[in-house]
Amino acid sequence: DEGEWEPEPFLKLHVMSAAIHYGQGVYEGAKAHHCKDGSVRLWNIQANAHRMLEGCDRMMMPSVPPEMFIRACEWCVAANRAYIPPYGTGGALYLRPYIFGHGP
């Protein structure tokens, strides 16, 4: 599906979740910067999407299509734009996209 924005910061996990018992998960680290022209850009997000895909394959988990990964990161940046440091400060908004083993 296309996914949806979830403002709730809590996850409800089953006690037998593979993420808890086996550490089955993959994460990435991405940065969003304000640019001189006023735009906001995700730095090298295609590489992050590719590494997430490879990590899911390596962990034998369902993969996240790169287009969905990038779109989710863009949603996150748009929802948190107010927290991106201004251009010229050297700062960035750090994102931590992750996927973990959970379910039957």
C-alpha atoms as a PDB file:
ATOM      1  CA  ASP A   1       0.000   0.000   0.000  1.00  0.00           C
ATOM      2  CA  GLU A   2       1.015   3.634  -0.059  1.00  0.00           C
ATOM      3  CA  GLY A   3       1.494   3.817   3.692  1.00  0.00           C
ATOM      4  CA  GLU A   4       0.238   6.579   5.926  1.00  0.00           C
ATOM      5  CA  TRP A   5       1.686   9.189   8.242  1.00  0.00           C
ATOM      6  CA  GLU A   6       1.427   8.015  11.841  1.00  0.00           C
ATOM      7  CA  PRO A   7       1.900  10.818  14.379  1.00  0.00           C
ATOM      8  CA  GLU A   8       1.807   8.416  17.363  1.00  0.00           C
ATOM      9  CA  PRO A   9       5.382   7.966  18.647  1.00  0.00           C
ATOM     10  CA  PHE A  10       4.741   4.566  20.254  1.00  0.00           C
ATOM     11  CA  LEU A  11       4.771   1.068  18.765  1.00  0.00           C
ATOM     12  CA  LYS A  12       2.777  -1.842  20.108  1.00  0.00           C
ATOM     13  CA  LEU A  13       4.878  -5.010  19.822  1.00  0.00           C
ATOM     14  CA  HIS A  14       3.984  -8.591  20.486  1.00  0.00           C
ATOM     15  CA  VAL A  15       6.067 -10.137  23.260  1.00  0.00           C
ATOM     16  CA  MET A  16       7.360 -12.746  20.772  1.00  0.00           C
ATOM     17  CA  SER A  17       8.463 -10.181  18.179  1.00  0.00           C
ATOM     18  CA  ALA A  18      11.619 -11.259  16.337  1.00  0.00           C
ATOM     19  CA  ALA A  19      13.010  -7.760  16.875  1.00  0.00           C
ATOM     20  CA  ILE A  20      13.000  -8.307  20.630  1.00  0.00           C
ATOM     21  CA  HIS A  21      14.237 -11.895  20.737  1.00  0.00           C
ATOM     22  CA  TYR A  22      16.630 -12.041  17.804  1.00  0.00           C
ATOM     23  CA  GLY A  23      17.454  -8.427  17.059  1.00  0.00           C
ATOM     24  CA  GLN A  24      16.067  -8.809  13.549  1.00  0.00           C
ATOM     25  CA  GLY A  25      16.116  -5.329  12.135  1.00  0.00           C
ATOM     26  CA  VAL A  26      17.743  -3.002   9.661  1.00  0.00           C
ATOM     27  CA  TYR A  27      18.180   0.743  10.001  1.00  0.00           C
ATOM     28  CA  GLU A  28      19.633   3.585   8.014  1.00  0.00           C
ATOM     29  CA  GLY A  29      20.721   7.105   8.801  1.00  0.00           C
ATOM     30  CA  ALA A  30      19.740   9.946   6.463  1.00  0.00           C
ATOM     31  CA  LYS A  31      20.161  13.711   6.580  1.00  0.00           C
ATOM     32  CA  ALA A  32      17.996  16.571   5.330  1.00  0.00           C
ATOM     33  CA  HIS A  33      19.577  19.982   4.790  1.00  0.00           C
ATOM     34  CA  HIS A  34      18.321  23.465   4.033  1.00  0.00           C
ATOM     35  CA  CYS A  35      19.986  24.632   0.822  1.00  0.00           C
ATOM     36  CA  LYS A  36      21.095  28.084  -0.276  1.00  0.00           C
ATOM     37  CA  ASP A  37      18.162  28.350  -2.708  1.00  0.00           C
ATOM     38  CA  GLY A  38      15.685  27.809   0.171  1.00  0.00           C
ATOM     39  CA  SER A  39      14.853  24.218  -0.710  1.00  0.00           C
ATOM     40  CA  VAL A  40      15.271  21.223   1.563  1.00  0.00           C
ATOM     41  CA  ARG A  41      17.087  18.182   0.219  1.00  0.00           C
ATOM     42  CA  LEU A  42      17.703  14.688   1.459  1.00  0.00           C
ATOM     43  CA  TRP A  43      21.387  13.915   1.054  1.00  0.00           C
ATOM     44  CA  ASN A  44      22.188  10.809  -1.016  1.00  0.00           C
ATOM     45  CA  ILE A  45      18.830   9.200  -0.210  1.00  0.00           C
ATOM     46  CA  GLN A  46      19.066   6.760  -3.138  1.00  0.00           C
ATOM     47  CA  ALA A  47      22.113   5.171  -1.499  1.00  0.00           C
ATOM     48  CA  ASN A  48      20.218   4.876   1.803  1.00  0.00           C
ATOM     49  CA  ALA A  49      17.311   3.196  -0.003  1.00  0.00           C
ATOM     50  CA  HIS A  50      19.689   0.763  -1.712  1.00  0.00           C
ATOM     51  CA  ARG A  51      21.416  -0.159   1.561  1.00  0.00           C
ATOM     52  CA  MET A  52      18.037  -0.716   3.236  1.00  0.00           C
ATOM     53  CA  LEU A  53      17.045  -3.039   0.386  1.00  0.00           C
ATOM     54  CA  GLU A  54      20.313  -4.974   0.691  1.00  0.00           C
ATOM     55  CA  GLY A  55      20.020  -5.146   4.471  1.00  0.00           C
ATOM     56  CA  CYS A  56      16.496  -6.570   4.273  1.00  0.00           C
ATOM     57  CA  ASP A  57      17.665  -9.199   1.794  1.00  0.00           C
ATOM     58  CA  ARG A  58      20.619 -10.080   4.039  1.00  0.00           C
ATOM     59  CA  MET A  59      18.338 -10.447   7.079  1.00  0.00           C
ATOM     60  CA  MET A  60      15.798 -12.453   5.045  1.00  0.00           C
ATOM     61  CA  MET A  61      13.121  -9.839   5.677  1.00  0.00           C
ATOM     62  CA  PRO A  62      10.546  -8.417   3.278  1.00  0.00           C
ATOM     63  CA  SER A  63      12.206  -5.531   1.483  1.00  0.00           C
ATOM     64  CA  VAL A  64      11.053  -1.953   1.275  1.00  0.00           C
ATOM     65  CA  PRO A  65      10.836  -0.783  -2.353  1.00  0.00           C
ATOM     66  CA  PRO A  66      13.259   2.140  -2.832  1.00  0.00           C
ATOM     67  CA  GLU A  67      10.433   4.401  -4.053  1.00  0.00           C
ATOM     68  CA  MET A  68       8.459   3.763  -0.841  1.00  0.00           C
ATOM     69  CA  PHE A  69      11.550   4.285   1.320  1.00  0.00           C
ATOM     70  CA  ILE A  70      12.297   7.622  -0.342  1.00  0.00           C
ATOM     71  CA  ARG A  71       8.666   8.750  -0.193  1.00  0.00           C
ATOM     72  CA  ALA A  72       8.487   7.898   3.540  1.00  0.00           C
ATOM     73  CA  CYS A  73      11.665   9.885   4.198  1.00  0.00           C
ATOM     74  CA  GLU A  74      10.228  12.826   2.248  1.00  0.00           C
ATOM     75  CA  TRP A  75       7.032  12.656   4.358  1.00  0.00           C
ATOM     76  CA  CYS A  76       9.103  12.669   7.519  1.00  0.00           C
ATOM     77  CA  VAL A  77      11.135  15.667   6.387  1.00  0.00           C
ATOM     78  CA  ALA A  78       8.001  17.581   5.345  1.00  0.00           C
ATOM     79  CA  ALA A  79       6.361  16.903   8.732  1.00  0.00           C
ATOM     80  CA  ASN A  80       9.496  18.044  10.593  1.00  0.00           C
ATOM     81  CA  ARG A  81      10.641  20.900   8.364  1.00  0.00           C
ATOM     82  CA  ALA A  82      10.523  23.347  11.278  1.00  0.00           C
ATOM     83  CA  TYR A  83      13.321  21.392  12.974  1.00  0.00           C
ATOM     84  CA  ILE A  84      15.790  21.528  10.081  1.00  0.00           C
ATOM     85  CA  PRO A  85      18.625  23.923  10.955  1.00  0.00           C
ATOM     86  CA  PRO A  86      18.948  26.974   8.692  1.00  0.00           C
ATOM     87  CA  TYR A  87      21.279  27.051   5.718  1.00  0.00           C
ATOM     88  CA  GLY A  88      24.835  28.001   6.627  1.00  0.00           C
ATOM     89  CA  THR A  89      24.805  26.522  10.140  1.00  0.00           C
ATOM     90  CA  GLY A  90      26.232  23.179   9.040  1.00  0.00           C
ATOM     91  CA  GLY A  91      23.342  21.418  10.781  1.00  0.00           C
ATOM     92  CA  ALA A  92      20.925  18.860   9.419  1.00  0.00           C
ATOM     93  CA  LEU A  93      17.806  16.938  10.388  1.00  0.00           C
ATOM     94  CA  TYR A  94      18.850  13.342  11.052  1.00  0.00           C
ATOM     95  CA  LEU A  95      16.401  10.581  10.120  1.00  0.00           C
ATOM     96  CA  ARG A  96      16.603   6.999  11.346  1.00  0.00           C
ATOM     97  CA  PRO A  97      14.454   4.853   9.012  1.00  0.00           C
ATOM     98  CA  TYR A  98      14.190   1.271  10.238  1.00  0.00           C
ATOM     99  CA  ILE A  99      12.409  -2.006   9.633  1.00  0.00           C
ATOM    100  CA  PHE A 100      12.222  -4.851  12.114  1.00  0.00           C
ATOM    101  CA  GLY A 101      11.003  -8.425  12.324  1.00  0.00           C
ATOM    102  CA  HIS A 102       7.493  -8.588  13.717  1.00  0.00           C
ATOM    103  CA  GLY A 103       4.468 -10.751  13.101  1.00  0.00           C
ATOM    104  CA  PRO A 104       3.397 -14.355  12.879  1.00  0.00           C
END
